[in-house]
Each structure stands twice: as C-alpha cells, then as structure tokens.
Amino acid sequence: MIVTCTSCGRRYNLDPAKLGGRVEATVRCPNCKTSLQVKLGPPPGDETARLDADASLLPAHPQVPQGGLLMPAGMRVSLAVLQGKAAGTIYKVERPSTVIGRIESDVNVDDPEVSRQHARLEIQGSRVVLRDLGSTNGTFVNEVKVAEVELQDRSEFRIGGTHFMLILMDEEAAQA
C-alpha cells in the first residue's frame, strides 16, 4: 500500500504484513519522522460493489479534442501502480495507443475487477487521454466515473482495485 506523509508529502510503500493483521496502526515517516495513522481497507478484489449507474447512463461530458497519436518528443511516459496486487510496478508506455486490461492488453493487470480490455491511453504529443473501453466496473479519476478525460503528469486513476499514476519525465532525466 502507498502511504503519503501529511507533513513532507513523501510517498512510500508500506507492506501491510508489517502491521501484523491489524487494520489500523501508527507508523513513522522514514523521511521526516512524523507519526501517521494508517487504516487498511479490504484487499482489492475481496469486496464487490454495485455501481449506481452504467457508463452509458452517465451524463455526457464534453469530449476531449482529438489529435494525431504521437509519442512526445524527448519524454518518457510511464504508469506506476500505486495500489493493487502489482503495487510498486512501473510500466513504460512505448506506444501512443496503449490498452490497459486483465488479458490481451498492452498493460496486463492481475485484478478480477478489471475488464479484459478496460481502458486505453491515447498519447497525442504532449497530451494524454484516458478512455474507458466500455468496462464493466468503470474507470475513475478522483473517484468520479469517467468515459474519457485528459490526464496531466502525476494524475491518478483507478480501474477495478488498481490505482495508477501517469508519469511524464524528460528522457535524459529518466536515464540518469
């Protein structure tokens, strides 16, 4: 699980096994030594929720303007898994159209709440658009179900019980 320090903002991975089965604990930030209250929820995939509305019934949002698919020059695009079975994994996005799903996808996610082909990242130069592909459980940004949305660097989104962060980084800095 990813924990963010409320004092210094640093994020770090906390192994829930270190909490000895407790659902709530106080931990100390390794960076600034601030005490943090941590509460564990049910593991992803252990709880099923019924969505209030189907994606086709959601109010229409203005569509994100279309552009040609093109990787950004001199930039590395990555997806970091913040929460889920693969927490801590970073996927390098190498194609301007990248499908995220459970199987038969460019980024395969081991999560039973994720559809086979759940969502697509479309990279249009410096713009990145996330589109839901008619998934059963939906795609969420800030816990709001979306059909499509433009993402910024460090934007977070969730599909199933898996939370991702989009990372855009200068290619030279990424190799350093």
C-alpha atoms as a PDB file:
ATOM      1  CA  MET A   1       0.000   0.000   0.000  1.00  0.00           C
ATOM      2  CA  ILE A   2       1.212   3.517  -0.783  1.00  0.00           C
ATOM      3  CA  VAL A   3       1.361   5.904   2.202  1.00  0.00           C
ATOM      4  CA  THR A   4       1.763   9.661   1.747  1.00  0.00           C
ATOM      5  CA  CYS A   5       3.233  11.656   4.616  1.00  0.00           C
ATOM      6  CA  THR A   6       0.917  14.504   5.627  1.00  0.00           C
ATOM      7  CA  SER A   7       3.899  16.602   6.696  1.00  0.00           C
ATOM      8  CA  CYS A   8       6.589  16.270   4.000  1.00  0.00           C
ATOM      9  CA  GLY A   9       4.477  14.767   1.174  1.00  0.00           C
ATOM     10  CA  ARG A  10       6.846  11.862   0.588  1.00  0.00           C
ATOM     11  CA  ARG A  11       5.243   8.641  -0.677  1.00  0.00           C
ATOM     12  CA  TYR A  12       6.493   5.240   0.279  1.00  0.00           C
ATOM     13  CA  ASN A  13       5.361   1.637   0.040  1.00  0.00           C
ATOM     14  CA  LEU A  14       4.147   0.085   3.301  1.00  0.00           C
ATOM     15  CA  ASP A  15       3.875  -3.698   3.400  1.00  0.00           C
ATOM     16  CA  PRO A  16       0.522  -4.449   5.126  1.00  0.00           C
ATOM     17  CA  ALA A  17       2.062  -7.661   6.505  1.00  0.00           C
ATOM     18  CA  LYS A  18       4.206  -5.465   8.799  1.00  0.00           C
ATOM     19  CA  LEU A  19       1.018  -4.381  10.585  1.00  0.00           C
ATOM     20  CA  GLY A  20       0.609  -7.895  11.999  1.00  0.00           C
ATOM     21  CA  GLY A  21      -3.008  -8.304  10.910  1.00  0.00           C
ATOM     22  CA  ARG A  22      -4.156  -5.023  12.457  1.00  0.00           C
ATOM     23  CA  VAL A  23      -6.464  -2.842  10.342  1.00  0.00           C
ATOM     24  CA  GLU A  24      -5.257   0.387  11.963  1.00  0.00           C
ATOM     25  CA  ALA A  25      -1.782   1.421  13.128  1.00  0.00           C
ATOM     26  CA  THR A  26       0.538   4.362  13.714  1.00  0.00           C
ATOM     27  CA  VAL A  27       3.654   4.414  11.542  1.00  0.00           C
ATOM     28  CA  ARG A  28       6.533   6.863  11.322  1.00  0.00           C
ATOM     29  CA  CYS A  29       7.555   8.587   8.076  1.00  0.00           C
ATOM     30  CA  PRO A  30      11.115   7.451   7.232  1.00  0.00           C
ATOM     31  CA  ASN A  31      11.890  10.901   5.842  1.00  0.00           C
ATOM     32  CA  CYS A  32      10.676  13.413   8.473  1.00  0.00           C
ATOM     33  CA  LYS A  33       9.724  11.047  11.338  1.00  0.00           C
ATOM     34  CA  THR A  34       6.120  12.342  11.516  1.00  0.00           C
ATOM     35  CA  SER A  35       3.648   9.877  13.084  1.00  0.00           C
ATOM     36  CA  LEU A  36       0.924   8.816  10.641  1.00  0.00           C
ATOM     37  CA  GLN A  37      -2.344   6.954  11.260  1.00  0.00           C
ATOM     38  CA  VAL A  38      -2.816   4.180   8.683  1.00  0.00           C
ATOM     39  CA  LYS A  39      -6.087   2.328   8.130  1.00  0.00           C
ATOM     40  CA  LEU A  40      -6.266  -0.726   5.902  1.00  0.00           C
ATOM     41  CA  GLY A  41      -9.312  -1.370   3.767  1.00  0.00           C
ATOM     42  CA  PRO A  42     -10.254  -4.745   2.338  1.00  0.00           C
ATOM     43  CA  PRO A  43      -7.735  -6.125  -0.184  1.00  0.00           C
ATOM     44  CA  PRO A  44      -8.599  -5.328  -3.819  1.00  0.00           C
ATOM     45  CA  GLY A  45     -10.915  -7.943  -5.244  1.00  0.00           C
ATOM     46  CA  ASP A  46     -12.203  -9.070  -1.817  1.00  0.00           C
ATOM     47  CA  GLU A  47     -15.226  -6.832  -1.926  1.00  0.00           C
ATOM     48  CA  THR A  48     -17.774  -6.332  -4.692  1.00  0.00           C
ATOM     49  CA  ALA A  49     -19.638  -3.072  -5.066  1.00  0.00           C
ATOM     50  CA  ARG A  50     -22.633  -2.334  -7.244  1.00  0.00           C
ATOM     51  CA  LEU A  51     -22.260   0.818  -9.278  1.00  0.00           C
ATOM     52  CA  ASP A  52     -25.153   3.266  -9.199  1.00  0.00           C
ATOM     53  CA  ALA A  53     -25.111   3.901 -12.915  1.00  0.00           C
ATOM     54  CA  ASP A  54     -23.889   2.239 -16.048  1.00  0.00           C
ATOM     55  CA  ALA A  55     -21.319   4.258 -18.008  1.00  0.00           C
ATOM     56  CA  SER A  56     -23.806   4.628 -20.861  1.00  0.00           C
ATOM     57  CA  LEU A  57     -26.265   6.312 -18.460  1.00  0.00           C
ATOM     58  CA  LEU A  58     -23.784   8.880 -17.139  1.00  0.00           C
ATOM     59  CA  PRO A  59     -24.334  12.481 -18.196  1.00  0.00           C
ATOM     60  CA  ALA A  60     -22.427  13.340 -21.345  1.00  0.00           C
ATOM     61  CA  HIS A  61     -19.146  15.104 -20.665  1.00  0.00           C
ATOM     62  CA  PRO A  62     -17.576  17.303 -23.277  1.00  0.00           C
ATOM     63  CA  GLN A  63     -15.394  15.096 -25.394  1.00  0.00           C
ATOM     64  CA  VAL A  64     -11.654  15.584 -25.258  1.00  0.00           C
ATOM     65  CA  PRO A  65     -10.488  17.105 -28.548  1.00  0.00           C
ATOM     66  CA  GLN A  66      -8.995  14.554 -30.915  1.00  0.00           C
ATOM     67  CA  GLY A  67      -5.435  14.747 -32.153  1.00  0.00           C
ATOM     68  CA  GLY A  68      -2.998  12.558 -34.009  1.00  0.00           C
ATOM     69  CA  LEU A  69      -1.470   9.738 -31.973  1.00  0.00           C
ATOM     70  CA  LEU A  70       2.185  10.547 -31.383  1.00  0.00           C
ATOM     71  CA  MET A  71       4.631   9.865 -28.544  1.00  0.00           C
ATOM     72  CA  PRO A  72       6.015  13.096 -27.004  1.00  0.00           C
ATOM     73  CA  ALA A  73       9.470  14.012 -28.285  1.00  0.00           C
ATOM     74  CA  GLY A  74      12.192  13.624 -25.641  1.00  0.00           C
ATOM     75  CA  MET A  75       9.744  12.408 -22.978  1.00  0.00           C
ATOM     76  CA  ARG A  76       9.243   9.049 -21.263  1.00  0.00           C
ATOM     77  CA  VAL A  77       5.673   8.047 -20.432  1.00  0.00           C
ATOM     78  CA  SER A  78       5.149   5.555 -17.586  1.00  0.00           C
ATOM     79  CA  LEU A  79       2.346   4.119 -15.484  1.00  0.00           C
ATOM     80  CA  ALA A  80       3.118   3.447 -11.815  1.00  0.00           C
ATOM     81  CA  VAL A  81       0.873   1.083  -9.856  1.00  0.00           C
ATOM     82  CA  LEU A  82       0.169   2.814  -6.532  1.00  0.00           C
ATOM     83  CA  GLN A  83      -2.254   0.274  -5.100  1.00  0.00           C
ATOM     84  CA  GLY A  84      -3.253  -3.249  -6.075  1.00  0.00           C
ATOM     85  CA  LYS A  85      -1.537  -6.619  -6.458  1.00  0.00           C
ATOM     86  CA  ALA A  86       1.257  -5.084  -8.537  1.00  0.00           C
ATOM     87  CA  ALA A  87       1.844  -2.050  -6.261  1.00  0.00           C
ATOM     88  CA  GLY A  88       5.281  -0.596  -6.915  1.00  0.00           C
ATOM     89  CA  THR A  89       5.419  -1.799 -10.536  1.00  0.00           C
ATOM     90  CA  ILE A  90       6.201   0.788 -13.205  1.00  0.00           C
ATOM     91  CA  TYR A  91       5.157   0.110 -16.806  1.00  0.00           C
ATOM     92  CA  LYS A  92       6.954   2.027 -19.553  1.00  0.00           C
ATOM     93  CA  VAL A  93       4.432   3.147 -22.186  1.00  0.00           C
ATOM     94  CA  GLU A  94       6.042   2.725 -25.578  1.00  0.00           C
ATOM     95  CA  ARG A  95       3.096   3.126 -27.963  1.00  0.00           C
ATOM     96  CA  PRO A  96       0.802   6.142 -28.438  1.00  0.00           C
ATOM     97  CA  SER A  97      -2.255   3.881 -28.091  1.00  0.00           C
ATOM     98  CA  THR A  98      -1.886   1.590 -25.063  1.00  0.00           C
ATOM     99  CA  VAL A  99      -4.650  -0.692 -23.769  1.00  0.00           C
ATOM    100  CA  ILE A 100      -4.846  -1.481 -20.044  1.00  0.00           C
ATOM    101  CA  GLY A 101      -6.755  -4.609 -19.075  1.00  0.00           C
ATOM    102  CA  ARG A 102      -6.792  -8.017 -17.466  1.00  0.00           C
ATOM    103  CA  ILE A 103      -5.705 -10.000 -20.551  1.00  0.00           C
ATOM    104  CA  GLU A 104      -4.970  -9.381 -24.222  1.00  0.00           C
ATOM    105  CA  SER A 105      -3.731  -5.856 -23.392  1.00  0.00           C
ATOM    106  CA  ASP A 106      -0.524  -3.846 -23.623  1.00  0.00           C
ATOM    107  CA  VAL A 107      -0.532  -3.433 -19.811  1.00  0.00           C
ATOM    108  CA  ASN A 108      -1.921  -6.588 -18.167  1.00  0.00           C
ATOM    109  CA  VAL A 109      -3.344  -6.113 -14.659  1.00  0.00           C
ATOM    110  CA  ASP A 110      -3.933  -9.075 -12.344  1.00  0.00           C
ATOM    111  CA  ASP A 111      -7.219  -7.813 -10.892  1.00  0.00           C
ATOM    112  CA  PRO A 112     -10.558  -9.645 -11.228  1.00  0.00           C
ATOM    113  CA  GLU A 113     -12.423  -6.297 -11.207  1.00  0.00           C
ATOM    114  CA  VAL A 114     -10.616  -5.186 -14.390  1.00  0.00           C
ATOM    115  CA  SER A 115     -12.179  -5.977 -17.771  1.00  0.00           C
ATOM    116  CA  ARG A 116     -10.204  -7.830 -20.449  1.00  0.00           C
ATOM    117  CA  GLN A 117      -9.641  -4.549 -22.261  1.00  0.00           C
ATOM    118  CA  HIS A 118     -10.634  -1.945 -19.712  1.00  0.00           C
ATOM    119  CA  ALA A 119      -9.206   1.432 -20.752  1.00  0.00           C
ATOM    120  CA  ARG A 120      -6.901   2.986 -23.331  1.00  0.00           C
ATOM    121  CA  LEU A 121      -4.225   5.666 -23.007  1.00  0.00           C
ATOM    122  CA  GLU A 122      -4.039   7.758 -26.164  1.00  0.00           C
ATOM    123  CA  ILE A 123      -0.948   9.925 -26.391  1.00  0.00           C
ATOM    124  CA  GLN A 124      -1.216  12.925 -28.685  1.00  0.00           C
ATOM    125  CA  GLY A 125       2.197  14.530 -28.379  1.00  0.00           C
ATOM    126  CA  SER A 126       2.167  16.396 -25.060  1.00  0.00           C
ATOM    127  CA  ARG A 127      -1.459  15.395 -24.311  1.00  0.00           C
ATOM    128  CA  VAL A 128      -2.532  12.092 -22.733  1.00  0.00           C
ATOM    129  CA  VAL A 129      -6.174  10.998 -22.888  1.00  0.00           C
ATOM    130  CA  LEU A 130      -7.604   8.115 -20.836  1.00  0.00           C
ATOM    131  CA  ARG A 131     -10.679   6.415 -22.371  1.00  0.00           C
ATOM    132  CA  ASP A 132     -12.859   3.752 -20.791  1.00  0.00           C
ATOM    133  CA  LEU A 133     -13.483   0.939 -23.286  1.00  0.00           C
ATOM    134  CA  GLY A 134     -16.980   0.050 -22.054  1.00  0.00           C
ATOM    135  CA  SER A 135     -15.646  -1.742 -18.981  1.00  0.00           C
ATOM    136  CA  THR A 136     -17.984  -3.462 -16.545  1.00  0.00           C
ATOM    137  CA  ASN A 137     -16.731  -1.712 -13.382  1.00  0.00           C
ATOM    138  CA  GLY A 138     -15.735   1.640 -14.851  1.00  0.00           C
ATOM    139  CA  THR A 139     -12.706   3.924 -14.886  1.00  0.00           C
ATOM    140  CA  PHE A 140     -12.365   6.518 -12.128  1.00  0.00           C
ATOM    141  CA  VAL A 141     -10.443   9.771 -11.685  1.00  0.00           C
ATOM    142  CA  ASN A 142     -10.771  11.292  -8.196  1.00  0.00           C
ATOM    143  CA  GLU A 143     -13.416   8.594  -7.537  1.00  0.00           C
ATOM    144  CA  VAL A 144     -15.608  10.016 -10.322  1.00  0.00           C
ATOM    145  CA  LYS A 145     -16.552   7.574 -13.085  1.00  0.00           C
ATOM    146  CA  VAL A 146     -15.317   8.865 -16.448  1.00  0.00           C
ATOM    147  CA  ALA A 147     -15.741   7.874 -20.082  1.00  0.00           C
ATOM    148  CA  GLU A 148     -12.739   9.906 -21.200  1.00  0.00           C
ATOM    149  CA  VAL A 149     -10.519  12.501 -19.589  1.00  0.00           C
ATOM    150  CA  GLU A 150      -7.284  14.320 -20.323  1.00  0.00           C
ATOM    151  CA  LEU A 151      -4.571  13.417 -17.801  1.00  0.00           C
ATOM    152  CA  GLN A 152      -1.700  15.564 -16.606  1.00  0.00           C
ATOM    153  CA  ASP A 153       1.689  14.497 -15.232  1.00  0.00           C
ATOM    154  CA  ARG A 154       1.164  12.755 -11.865  1.00  0.00           C
ATOM    155  CA  SER A 155      -2.584  12.291 -12.495  1.00  0.00           C
ATOM    156  CA  GLU A 156      -4.008   9.289 -10.662  1.00  0.00           C
ATOM    157  CA  PHE A 157      -6.800   6.992 -11.836  1.00  0.00           C
ATOM    158  CA  ARG A 158      -8.357   3.700 -10.798  1.00  0.00           C
ATOM    159  CA  ILE A 159      -9.583   0.685 -12.706  1.00  0.00           C
ATOM    160  CA  GLY A 160     -11.008  -2.100 -10.545  1.00  0.00           C
ATOM    161  CA  GLY A 161      -9.000  -2.185  -7.320  1.00  0.00           C
ATOM    162  CA  THR A 162      -5.812  -0.998  -9.041  1.00  0.00           C
ATOM    163  CA  HIS A 163      -4.680   2.627  -8.694  1.00  0.00           C
ATOM    164  CA  PHE A 164      -2.289   4.086 -11.279  1.00  0.00           C
ATOM    165  CA  MET A 165      -0.294   7.286 -11.628  1.00  0.00           C
ATOM    166  CA  LEU A 166       0.714   8.700 -15.010  1.00  0.00           C
ATOM    167  CA  ILE A 167       4.336   9.854 -15.002  1.00  0.00           C
ATOM    168  CA  LEU A 168       5.789  12.085 -17.735  1.00  0.00           C
ATOM    169  CA  MET A 169       9.534  12.537 -17.452  1.00  0.00           C
ATOM    170  CA  ASP A 170      12.284  14.048 -19.562  1.00  0.00           C
ATOM    171  CA  GLU A 171      14.032  11.126 -21.302  1.00  0.00           C
ATOM    172  CA  GLU A 172      17.506  12.312 -20.237  1.00  0.00           C
ATOM    173  CA  ALA A 173      16.429  12.591 -16.580  1.00  0.00           C
ATOM    174  CA  ALA A 174      14.805   9.152 -16.767  1.00  0.00           C
ATOM    175  CA  GLN A 175      18.062   7.554 -17.927  1.00  0.00           C
ATOM    176  CA  ALA A 176      20.160   9.275 -15.259  1.00  0.00           C
END
